[in-house]
Amino acid sequence: EGRIRHPVFGNCKWWATQWAQPPWWDTTVRRYTPRMQREIV
């Protein structure tokens, strides 16, 4: 939870703010775990 600040497409002159709410992290990790494992291998 909270605020996530990051540069827009790596451009450090332009920043975006996104607000995180549970369970965004777990949902994303579960969804992409098989792909992440394949890429690591």
ModelCIF file with pLDDT and N, C-alpha, C, O atoms, coordinates in Angstrom:
data_MODEL
#
_entry.id   MODEL 
#
_entity.id                         1 
_entity.type                       polymer 
_entity.pdbx_number_of_molecules   1 
#
_entity_poly.entity_id                      1 
_entity_poly.type                           'polypeptide(L)' 
_entity_poly.nstd_linkage                   no 
_entity_poly.nstd_monomer                   no 
_entity_poly.pdbx_seq_one_letter_code       EGRIRHPVFGNCKWWATQWAQPPWWDTTVRRYTPRMQREIV 
_entity_poly.pdbx_seq_one_letter_code_can   EGRIRHPVFGNCKWWATQWAQPPWWDTTVRRYTPRMQREIV 
_entity_poly.pdbx_strand_id                 A 
#
loop_
_entity_poly_seq.entity_id 
_entity_poly_seq.num 
_entity_poly_seq.mon_id 
_entity_poly_seq.hetero 
1 1  GLU n 
1 2  GLY n 
1 3  ARG n 
1 4  ILE n 
1 5  ARG n 
1 6  HIS n 
1 7  PRO n 
1 8  VAL n 
1 9  PHE n 
1 10 GLY n 
1 11 ASN n 
1 12 CYS n 
1 13 LYS n 
1 14 TRP n 
1 15 TRP n 
1 16 ALA n 
1 17 THR n 
1 18 GLN n 
1 19 TRP n 
1 20 ALA n 
1 21 GLN n 
1 22 PRO n 
1 23 PRO n 
1 24 TRP n 
1 25 TRP n 
1 26 ASP n 
1 27 THR n 
1 28 THR n 
1 29 VAL n 
1 30 ARG n 
1 31 ARG n 
1 32 TYR n 
1 33 THR n 
1 34 PRO n 
1 35 ARG n 
1 36 MET n 
1 37 GLN n 
1 38 ARG n 
1 39 GLU n 
1 40 ILE n 
1 41 VAL n 
#
_struct_asym.id          A 
_struct_asym.entity_id   1 
#
loop_
_ma_qa_metric.id 
_ma_qa_metric.mode 
_ma_qa_metric.name 
_ma_qa_metric.software_group_id 
_ma_qa_metric.type 
1 global pLDDT . pLDDT 
2 local  pLDDT . pLDDT 
#
_ma_qa_metric_global.metric_id      1 
_ma_qa_metric_global.metric_value   88.49 
_ma_qa_metric_global.model_id       1 
_ma_qa_metric_global.ordinal_id     1 
#
loop_
_ma_qa_metric_local.label_asym_id 
_ma_qa_metric_local.label_comp_id 
_ma_qa_metric_local.label_seq_id 
_ma_qa_metric_local.metric_id 
_ma_qa_metric_local.metric_value 
_ma_qa_metric_local.model_id 
_ma_qa_metric_local.ordinal_id 
A GLU 1  2 74.00 1 1  
A GLY 2  2 81.00 1 2  
A ARG 3  2 83.00 1 3  
A ILE 4  2 83.00 1 4  
A ARG 5  2 86.00 1 5  
A HIS 6  2 89.00 1 6  
A PRO 7  2 91.00 1 7  
A VAL 8  2 93.00 1 8  
A PHE 9  2 92.00 1 9  
A GLY 10 2 84.00 1 10 
A ASN 11 2 88.00 1 11 
A CYS 12 2 87.00 1 12 
A LYS 13 2 92.00 1 13 
A TRP 14 2 94.00 1 14 
A TRP 15 2 94.00 1 15 
A ALA 16 2 94.00 1 16 
A THR 17 2 92.00 1 17 
A GLN 18 2 87.00 1 18 
A TRP 19 2 85.00 1 19 
A ALA 20 2 80.00 1 20 
A GLN 21 2 79.00 1 21 
A PRO 22 2 77.00 1 22 
A PRO 23 2 77.00 1 23 
A TRP 24 2 75.00 1 24 
A TRP 25 2 78.00 1 25 
A ASP 26 2 83.00 1 26 
A THR 27 2 85.00 1 27 
A THR 28 2 85.00 1 28 
A VAL 29 2 88.00 1 29 
A ARG 30 2 91.00 1 30 
A ARG 31 2 94.00 1 31 
A TYR 32 2 95.00 1 32 
A THR 33 2 95.00 1 33 
A PRO 34 2 97.00 1 34 
A ARG 35 2 97.00 1 35 
A MET 36 2 96.00 1 36 
A GLN 37 2 97.00 1 37 
A ARG 38 2 98.00 1 38 
A GLU 39 2 97.00 1 39 
A ILE 40 2 97.00 1 40 
A VAL 41 2 98.00 1 41 
#
loop_
_atom_site.group_PDB 
_atom_site.id 
_atom_site.type_symbol 
_atom_site.label_atom_id 
_atom_site.label_alt_id 
_atom_site.label_comp_id 
_atom_site.label_asym_id 
_atom_site.label_entity_id 
_atom_site.label_seq_id 
_atom_site.pdbx_PDB_ins_code 
_atom_site.Cartn_x 
_atom_site.Cartn_y 
_atom_site.Cartn_z 
_atom_site.occupancy 
_atom_site.B_iso_or_equiv 
_atom_site.pdbx_formal_charge 
_atom_site.auth_seq_id 
_atom_site.auth_comp_id 
_atom_site.auth_asym_id 
_atom_site.auth_atom_id 
_atom_site.pdbx_PDB_model_num 
ATOM 1   N N  . GLU A 1 1  ? 0.836  -1.201  0.000   1.00 74.00 ? 1  GLU A N  1 
ATOM 2   C CA . GLU A 1 1  ? 0.000  0.000   0.000   1.00 74.00 ? 1  GLU A CA 1 
ATOM 3   C C  . GLU A 1 1  ? 0.868  1.246   0.000   1.00 74.00 ? 1  GLU A C  1 
ATOM 4   O O  . GLU A 1 1  ? 2.026  1.224   0.416   1.00 74.00 ? 1  GLU A O  1 
ATOM 5   N N  . GLY A 1 2  ? 0.290  2.309   -0.467  1.00 81.00 ? 2  GLY A N  1 
ATOM 6   C CA . GLY A 1 2  ? 1.008  3.566   -0.468  1.00 81.00 ? 2  GLY A CA 1 
ATOM 7   C C  . GLY A 1 2  ? 1.273  4.078   -1.864  1.00 81.00 ? 2  GLY A C  1 
ATOM 8   O O  . GLY A 1 2  ? 0.662  3.631   -2.834  1.00 81.00 ? 2  GLY A O  1 
ATOM 9   N N  . ARG A 1 3  ? 2.183  5.010   -1.950  1.00 83.00 ? 3  ARG A N  1 
ATOM 10  C CA . ARG A 1 3  ? 2.496  5.696   -3.188  1.00 83.00 ? 3  ARG A CA 1 
ATOM 11  C C  . ARG A 1 3  ? 3.742  5.111   -3.831  1.00 83.00 ? 3  ARG A C  1 
ATOM 12  O O  . ARG A 1 3  ? 4.731  4.839   -3.150  1.00 83.00 ? 3  ARG A O  1 
ATOM 13  N N  . ILE A 1 4  ? 3.692  4.919   -5.133  1.00 83.00 ? 4  ILE A N  1 
ATOM 14  C CA . ILE A 1 4  ? 4.840  4.431   -5.887  1.00 83.00 ? 4  ILE A CA 1 
ATOM 15  C C  . ILE A 1 4  ? 5.174  5.503   -6.919  1.00 83.00 ? 4  ILE A C  1 
ATOM 16  O O  . ILE A 1 4  ? 4.337  5.843   -7.755  1.00 83.00 ? 4  ILE A O  1 
ATOM 17  N N  . ARG A 1 5  ? 6.394  6.035   -6.864  1.00 86.00 ? 5  ARG A N  1 
ATOM 18  C CA . ARG A 1 5  ? 6.833  7.053   -7.822  1.00 86.00 ? 5  ARG A CA 1 
ATOM 19  C C  . ARG A 1 5  ? 7.899  6.446   -8.716  1.00 86.00 ? 5  ARG A C  1 
ATOM 20  O O  . ARG A 1 5  ? 8.801  5.751   -8.247  1.00 86.00 ? 5  ARG A O  1 
ATOM 21  N N  . HIS A 1 6  ? 7.786  6.718   -10.006 1.00 89.00 ? 6  HIS A N  1 
ATOM 22  C CA . HIS A 1 6  ? 8.753  6.168   -10.949 1.00 89.00 ? 6  HIS A CA 1 
ATOM 23  C C  . HIS A 1 6  ? 8.841  7.061   -12.176 1.00 89.00 ? 6  HIS A C  1 
ATOM 24  O O  . HIS A 1 6  ? 7.883  7.753   -12.519 1.00 89.00 ? 6  HIS A O  1 
ATOM 25  N N  . PRO A 1 7  ? 10.002 7.043   -12.840 1.00 91.00 ? 7  PRO A N  1 
ATOM 26  C CA . PRO A 1 7  ? 10.119 7.820   -14.072 1.00 91.00 ? 7  PRO A CA 1 
ATOM 27  C C  . PRO A 1 7  ? 9.259  7.202   -15.176 1.00 91.00 ? 7  PRO A C  1 
ATOM 28  O O  . PRO A 1 7  ? 9.072  5.986   -15.220 1.00 91.00 ? 7  PRO A O  1 
ATOM 29  N N  . VAL A 1 8  ? 8.747  8.038   -16.051 1.00 93.00 ? 8  VAL A N  1 
ATOM 30  C CA . VAL A 1 8  ? 7.911  7.578   -17.148 1.00 93.00 ? 8  VAL A CA 1 
ATOM 31  C C  . VAL A 1 8  ? 8.814  7.048   -18.265 1.00 93.00 ? 8  VAL A C  1 
ATOM 32  O O  . VAL A 1 8  ? 9.571  7.804   -18.873 1.00 93.00 ? 8  VAL A O  1 
ATOM 33  N N  . PHE A 1 9  ? 8.725  5.758   -18.524 1.00 92.00 ? 9  PHE A N  1 
ATOM 34  C CA . PHE A 1 9  ? 9.541  5.096   -19.545 1.00 92.00 ? 9  PHE A CA 1 
ATOM 35  C C  . PHE A 1 9  ? 11.020 5.438   -19.400 1.00 92.00 ? 9  PHE A C  1 
ATOM 36  O O  . PHE A 1 9  ? 11.718 5.622   -20.397 1.00 92.00 ? 9  PHE A O  1 
ATOM 37  N N  . GLY A 1 10 ? 11.501 5.522   -18.157 1.00 84.00 ? 10 GLY A N  1 
ATOM 38  C CA . GLY A 1 10 ? 12.912 5.765   -17.899 1.00 84.00 ? 10 GLY A CA 1 
ATOM 39  C C  . GLY A 1 10 ? 13.352 7.213   -18.034 1.00 84.00 ? 10 GLY A C  1 
ATOM 40  O O  . GLY A 1 10 ? 14.529 7.515   -17.837 1.00 84.00 ? 10 GLY A O  1 
ATOM 41  N N  . ASN A 1 11 ? 12.442 8.111   -18.364 1.00 88.00 ? 11 ASN A N  1 
ATOM 42  C CA . ASN A 1 11 ? 12.774 9.525   -18.515 1.00 88.00 ? 11 ASN A CA 1 
ATOM 43  C C  . ASN A 1 11 ? 12.730 10.191  -17.143 1.00 88.00 ? 11 ASN A C  1 
ATOM 44  O O  . ASN A 1 11 ? 11.650 10.403  -16.591 1.00 88.00 ? 11 ASN A O  1 
ATOM 45  N N  . CYS A 1 12 ? 13.882 10.520  -16.596 1.00 87.00 ? 12 CYS A N  1 
ATOM 46  C CA . CYS A 1 12 ? 13.951 11.064  -15.230 1.00 87.00 ? 12 CYS A CA 1 
ATOM 47  C C  . CYS A 1 12 ? 13.430 12.493  -15.118 1.00 87.00 ? 12 CYS A C  1 
ATOM 48  O O  . CYS A 1 12 ? 13.353 13.030  -14.013 1.00 87.00 ? 12 CYS A O  1 
ATOM 49  N N  . LYS A 1 13 ? 13.071 13.116  -16.228 1.00 92.00 ? 13 LYS A N  1 
ATOM 50  C CA . LYS A 1 13 ? 12.466 14.446  -16.176 1.00 92.00 ? 13 LYS A CA 1 
ATOM 51  C C  . LYS A 1 13 ? 10.957 14.368  -15.960 1.00 92.00 ? 13 LYS A C  1 
ATOM 52  O O  . LYS A 1 13 ? 10.345 15.342  -15.523 1.00 92.00 ? 13 LYS A O  1 
ATOM 53  N N  . TRP A 1 14 ? 10.355 13.226  -16.259 1.00 94.00 ? 14 TRP A N  1 
ATOM 54  C CA . TRP A 1 14 ? 8.912  13.040  -16.118 1.00 94.00 ? 14 TRP A CA 1 
ATOM 55  C C  . TRP A 1 14 ? 8.639  11.884  -15.164 1.00 94.00 ? 14 TRP A C  1 
ATOM 56  O O  . TRP A 1 14 ? 9.057  10.753  -15.414 1.00 94.00 ? 14 TRP A O  1 
ATOM 57  N N  . TRP A 1 15 ? 7.946  12.167  -14.085 1.00 94.00 ? 15 TRP A N  1 
ATOM 58  C CA . TRP A 1 15 ? 7.655  11.157  -13.075 1.00 94.00 ? 15 TRP A CA 1 
ATOM 59  C C  . TRP A 1 15 ? 6.160  10.919  -12.953 1.00 94.00 ? 15 TRP A C  1 
ATOM 60  O O  . TRP A 1 15 ? 5.358  11.837  -13.129 1.00 94.00 ? 15 TRP A O  1 
ATOM 61  N N  . ALA A 1 16 ? 5.796  9.694   -12.655 1.00 94.00 ? 16 ALA A N  1 
ATOM 62  C CA . ALA A 1 16 ? 4.397  9.324   -12.440 1.00 94.00 ? 16 ALA A CA 1 
ATOM 63  C C  . ALA A 1 16 ? 4.228  8.856   -10.998 1.00 94.00 ? 16 ALA A C  1 
ATOM 64  O O  . ALA A 1 16 ? 5.161  8.341   -10.382 1.00 94.00 ? 16 ALA A O  1 
ATOM 65  N N  . THR A 1 17 ? 3.040  9.042   -10.483 1.00 92.00 ? 17 THR A N  1 
ATOM 66  C CA . THR A 1 17 ? 2.698  8.560   -9.149  1.00 92.00 ? 17 THR A CA 1 
ATOM 67  C C  . THR A 1 17 ? 1.536  7.589   -9.289  1.00 92.00 ? 17 THR A C  1 
ATOM 68  O O  . THR A 1 17 ? 0.518  7.900   -9.908  1.00 92.00 ? 17 THR A O  1 
ATOM 69  N N  . GLN A 1 18 ? 1.703  6.422   -8.711  1.00 87.00 ? 18 GLN A N  1 
ATOM 70  C CA . GLN A 1 18 ? 0.630  5.440   -8.696  1.00 87.00 ? 18 GLN A CA 1 
ATOM 71  C C  . GLN A 1 18 ? 0.362  5.051   -7.254  1.00 87.00 ? 18 GLN A C  1 
ATOM 72  O O  . GLN A 1 18 ? 1.280  4.979   -6.438  1.00 87.00 ? 18 GLN A O  1 
ATOM 73  N N  . TRP A 1 19 ? -0.893 4.804   -6.951  1.00 85.00 ? 19 TRP A N  1 
ATOM 74  C CA . TRP A 1 19 ? -1.278 4.402   -5.605  1.00 85.00 ? 19 TRP A CA 1 
ATOM 75  C C  . TRP A 1 19 ? -1.540 2.906   -5.590  1.00 85.00 ? 19 TRP A C  1 
ATOM 76  O O  . TRP A 1 19 ? -2.352 2.399   -6.364  1.00 85.00 ? 19 TRP A O  1 
ATOM 77  N N  . ALA A 1 20 ? -0.856 2.214   -4.713  1.00 80.00 ? 20 ALA A N  1 
ATOM 78  C CA . ALA A 1 20 ? -0.985 0.758   -4.608  1.00 80.00 ? 20 ALA A CA 1 
ATOM 79  C C  . ALA A 1 20 ? -2.010 0.402   -3.536  1.00 80.00 ? 20 ALA A C  1 
ATOM 80  O O  . ALA A 1 20 ? -2.078 1.025   -2.476  1.00 80.00 ? 20 ALA A O  1 
ATOM 81  N N  . GLN A 1 21 ? -2.794 -0.608  -3.844  1.00 79.00 ? 21 GLN A N  1 
ATOM 82  C CA . GLN A 1 21 ? -3.758 -1.135  -2.883  1.00 79.00 ? 21 GLN A CA 1 
ATOM 83  C C  . GLN A 1 21 ? -3.638 -2.649  -2.874  1.00 79.00 ? 21 GLN A C  1 
ATOM 84  O O  . GLN A 1 21 ? -3.467 -3.261  -3.929  1.00 79.00 ? 21 GLN A O  1 
ATOM 85  N N  . PRO A 1 22 ? -3.725 -3.261  -1.704  1.00 77.00 ? 22 PRO A N  1 
ATOM 86  C CA . PRO A 1 22 ? -3.637 -4.712  -1.640  1.00 77.00 ? 22 PRO A CA 1 
ATOM 87  C C  . PRO A 1 22 ? -4.724 -5.336  -2.497  1.00 77.00 ? 22 PRO A C  1 
ATOM 88  O O  . PRO A 1 22 ? -5.795 -4.740  -2.612  1.00 77.00 ? 22 PRO A O  1 
ATOM 89  N N  . PRO A 1 23 ? -4.523 -6.476  -3.093  1.00 77.00 ? 23 PRO A N  1 
ATOM 90  C CA . PRO A 1 23 ? -3.345 -7.342  -3.098  1.00 77.00 ? 23 PRO A CA 1 
ATOM 91  C C  . PRO A 1 23 ? -2.559 -7.235  -4.403  1.00 77.00 ? 23 PRO A C  1 
ATOM 92  O O  . PRO A 1 23 ? -2.197 -8.264  -4.974  1.00 77.00 ? 23 PRO A O  1 
ATOM 93  N N  . TRP A 1 24 ? -2.291 -6.055  -4.883  1.00 75.00 ? 24 TRP A N  1 
ATOM 94  C CA . TRP A 1 24 ? -1.695 -5.886  -6.214  1.00 75.00 ? 24 TRP A CA 1 
ATOM 95  C C  . TRP A 1 24 ? -0.422 -6.683  -6.411  1.00 75.00 ? 24 TRP A C  1 
ATOM 96  O O  . TRP A 1 24 ? -0.223 -7.252  -7.485  1.00 75.00 ? 24 TRP A O  1 
ATOM 97  N N  . TRP A 1 25 ? 0.443  -6.745  -5.420  1.00 78.00 ? 25 TRP A N  1 
ATOM 98  C CA . TRP A 1 25 ? 1.734  -7.424  -5.592  1.00 78.00 ? 25 TRP A CA 1 
ATOM 99  C C  . TRP A 1 25 ? 1.548  -8.933  -5.726  1.00 78.00 ? 25 TRP A C  1 
ATOM 100 O O  . TRP A 1 25 ? 2.078  -9.544  -6.654  1.00 78.00 ? 25 TRP A O  1 
ATOM 101 N N  . ASP A 1 26 ? 0.802  -9.530  -4.811  1.00 83.00 ? 26 ASP A N  1 
ATOM 102 C CA . ASP A 1 26 ? 0.590  -10.983 -4.845  1.00 83.00 ? 26 ASP A CA 1 
ATOM 103 C C  . ASP A 1 26 ? -0.106 -11.417 -6.128  1.00 83.00 ? 26 ASP A C  1 
ATOM 104 O O  . ASP A 1 26 ? 0.262  -12.428 -6.726  1.00 83.00 ? 26 ASP A O  1 
ATOM 105 N N  . THR A 1 27 ? -1.101 -10.663 -6.547  1.00 85.00 ? 27 THR A N  1 
ATOM 106 C CA . THR A 1 27 ? -1.830 -10.999 -7.765  1.00 85.00 ? 27 THR A CA 1 
ATOM 107 C C  . THR A 1 27 ? -0.896 -10.997 -8.966  1.00 85.00 ? 27 THR A C  1 
ATOM 108 O O  . THR A 1 27 ? -0.927 -11.920 -9.780  1.00 85.00 ? 27 THR A O  1 
ATOM 109 N N  . THR A 1 28 ? -0.077 -9.977  -9.079  1.00 85.00 ? 28 THR A N  1 
ATOM 110 C CA . THR A 1 28 ? 0.845  -9.864  -10.207 1.00 85.00 ? 28 THR A CA 1 
ATOM 111 C C  . THR A 1 28 ? 1.886  -10.969 -10.180 1.00 85.00 ? 28 THR A C  1 
ATOM 112 O O  . THR A 1 28 ? 2.157  -11.587 -11.210 1.00 85.00 ? 28 THR A O  1 
ATOM 113 N N  . VAL A 1 29 ? 2.477  -11.229 -9.016  1.00 88.00 ? 29 VAL A N  1 
ATOM 114 C CA . VAL A 1 29 ? 3.510  -12.261 -8.918  1.00 88.00 ? 29 VAL A CA 1 
ATOM 115 C C  . VAL A 1 29 ? 2.926  -13.635 -9.239  1.00 88.00 ? 29 VAL A C  1 
ATOM 116 O O  . VAL A 1 29 ? 3.537  -14.409 -9.976  1.00 88.00 ? 29 VAL A O  1 
ATOM 117 N N  . ARG A 1 30 ? 1.762  -13.940 -8.700  1.00 91.00 ? 30 ARG A N  1 
ATOM 118 C CA . ARG A 1 30 ? 1.146  -15.245 -8.994  1.00 91.00 ? 30 ARG A CA 1 
ATOM 119 C C  . ARG A 1 30 ? 0.854  -15.390 -10.486 1.00 91.00 ? 30 ARG A C  1 
ATOM 120 O O  . ARG A 1 30 ? 1.063  -16.454 -11.068 1.00 91.00 ? 30 ARG A O  1 
ATOM 121 N N  . ARG A 1 31 ? 0.375  -14.322 -11.088 1.00 94.00 ? 31 ARG A N  1 
ATOM 122 C CA . ARG A 1 31 ? 0.024  -14.381 -12.505 1.00 94.00 ? 31 ARG A CA 1 
ATOM 123 C C  . ARG A 1 31 ? 1.246  -14.636 -13.385 1.00 94.00 ? 31 ARG A C  1 
ATOM 124 O O  . ARG A 1 31 ? 1.163  -15.373 -14.368 1.00 94.00 ? 31 ARG A O  1 
ATOM 125 N N  . TYR A 1 32 ? 2.379  -14.030 -13.034 1.00 95.00 ? 32 TYR A N  1 
ATOM 126 C CA . TYR A 1 32 ? 3.551  -14.095 -13.897 1.00 95.00 ? 32 TYR A CA 1 
ATOM 127 C C  . TYR A 1 32 ? 4.649  -15.041 -13.415 1.00 95.00 ? 32 TYR A C  1 
ATOM 128 O O  . TYR A 1 32 ? 5.713  -15.093 -14.032 1.00 95.00 ? 32 TYR A O  1 
ATOM 129 N N  . THR A 1 33 ? 4.429  -15.782 -12.346 1.00 95.00 ? 33 THR A N  1 
ATOM 130 C CA . THR A 1 33 ? 5.448  -16.707 -11.842 1.00 95.00 ? 33 THR A CA 1 
ATOM 131 C C  . THR A 1 33 ? 5.908  -17.711 -12.893 1.00 95.00 ? 33 THR A C  1 
ATOM 132 O O  . THR A 1 33 ? 7.116  -17.889 -13.049 1.00 95.00 ? 33 THR A O  1 
ATOM 133 N N  . PRO A 1 34 ? 5.020  -18.372 -13.616 1.00 97.00 ? 34 PRO A N  1 
ATOM 134 C CA . PRO A 1 34 ? 5.499  -19.325 -14.633 1.00 97.00 ? 34 PRO A CA 1 
ATOM 135 C C  . PRO A 1 34 ? 6.393  -18.654 -15.681 1.00 97.00 ? 34 PRO A C  1 
ATOM 136 O O  . PRO A 1 34 ? 7.416  -19.214 -16.075 1.00 97.00 ? 34 PRO A O  1 
ATOM 137 N N  . ARG A 1 35 ? 6.016  -17.479 -16.124 1.00 97.00 ? 35 ARG A N  1 
ATOM 138 C CA . ARG A 1 35 ? 6.839  -16.781 -17.117 1.00 97.00 ? 35 ARG A CA 1 
ATOM 139 C C  . ARG A 1 35 ? 8.190  -16.386 -16.536 1.00 97.00 ? 35 ARG A C  1 
ATOM 140 O O  . ARG A 1 35 ? 9.218  -16.527 -17.198 1.00 97.00 ? 35 ARG A O  1 
ATOM 141 N N  . MET A 1 36 ? 8.190  -15.890 -15.295 1.00 96.00 ? 36 MET A N  1 
ATOM 142 C CA . MET A 1 36 ? 9.460  -15.505 -14.662 1.00 96.00 ? 36 MET A CA 1 
ATOM 143 C C  . MET A 1 36 ? 10.375 -16.720 -14.527 1.00 96.00 ? 36 MET A C  1 
ATOM 144 O O  . MET A 1 36 ? 11.578 -16.621 -14.767 1.00 96.00 ? 36 MET A O  1 
ATOM 145 N N  . GLN A 1 37 ? 9.812  -17.861 -14.145 1.00 97.00 ? 37 GLN A N  1 
ATOM 146 C CA . GLN A 1 37 ? 10.619 -19.074 -14.003 1.00 97.00 ? 37 GLN A CA 1 
ATOM 147 C C  . GLN A 1 37 ? 11.207 -19.499 -15.349 1.00 97.00 ? 37 GLN A C  1 
ATOM 148 O O  . GLN A 1 37 ? 12.377 -19.874 -15.424 1.00 97.00 ? 37 GLN A O  1 
ATOM 149 N N  . ARG A 1 38 ? 10.401 -19.441 -16.410 1.00 98.00 ? 38 ARG A N  1 
ATOM 150 C CA . ARG A 1 38 ? 10.910 -19.795 -17.737 1.00 98.00 ? 38 ARG A CA 1 
ATOM 151 C C  . ARG A 1 38 ? 12.039 -18.862 -18.167 1.00 98.00 ? 38 ARG A C  1 
ATOM 152 O O  . ARG A 1 38 ? 13.038 -19.308 -18.731 1.00 98.00 ? 38 ARG A O  1 
ATOM 153 N N  . GLU A 1 39 ? 11.880 -17.586 -17.903 1.00 97.00 ? 39 GLU A N  1 
ATOM 154 C CA . GLU A 1 39 ? 12.903 -16.617 -18.292 1.00 97.00 ? 39 GLU A CA 1 
ATOM 155 C C  . GLU A 1 39 ? 14.197 -16.818 -17.507 1.00 97.00 ? 39 GLU A C  1 
ATOM 156 O O  . GLU A 1 39 ? 15.287 -16.684 -18.063 1.00 97.00 ? 39 GLU A O  1 
ATOM 157 N N  . ILE A 1 40 ? 14.084 -17.136 -16.228 1.00 97.00 ? 40 ILE A N  1 
ATOM 158 C CA . ILE A 1 40 ? 15.277 -17.396 -15.410 1.00 97.00 ? 40 ILE A CA 1 
ATOM 159 C C  . ILE A 1 40 ? 16.029 -18.599 -15.957 1.00 97.00 ? 40 ILE A C  1 
ATOM 160 O O  . ILE A 1 40 ? 17.252 -18.564 -16.089 1.00 97.00 ? 40 ILE A O  1 
ATOM 161 N N  . VAL A 1 41 ? 15.298 -19.667 -16.277 1.00 98.00 ? 41 VAL A N  1 
ATOM 162 C CA . VAL A 1 41 ? 15.929 -20.864 -16.840 1.00 98.00 ? 41 VAL A CA 1 
ATOM 163 C C  . VAL A 1 41 ? 16.603 -20.525 -18.165 1.00 98.00 ? 41 VAL A C  1 
ATOM 164 O O  . VAL A 1 41 ? 17.191 -21.401 -18.799 1.00 98.00 ? 41 VAL A O  1 
#
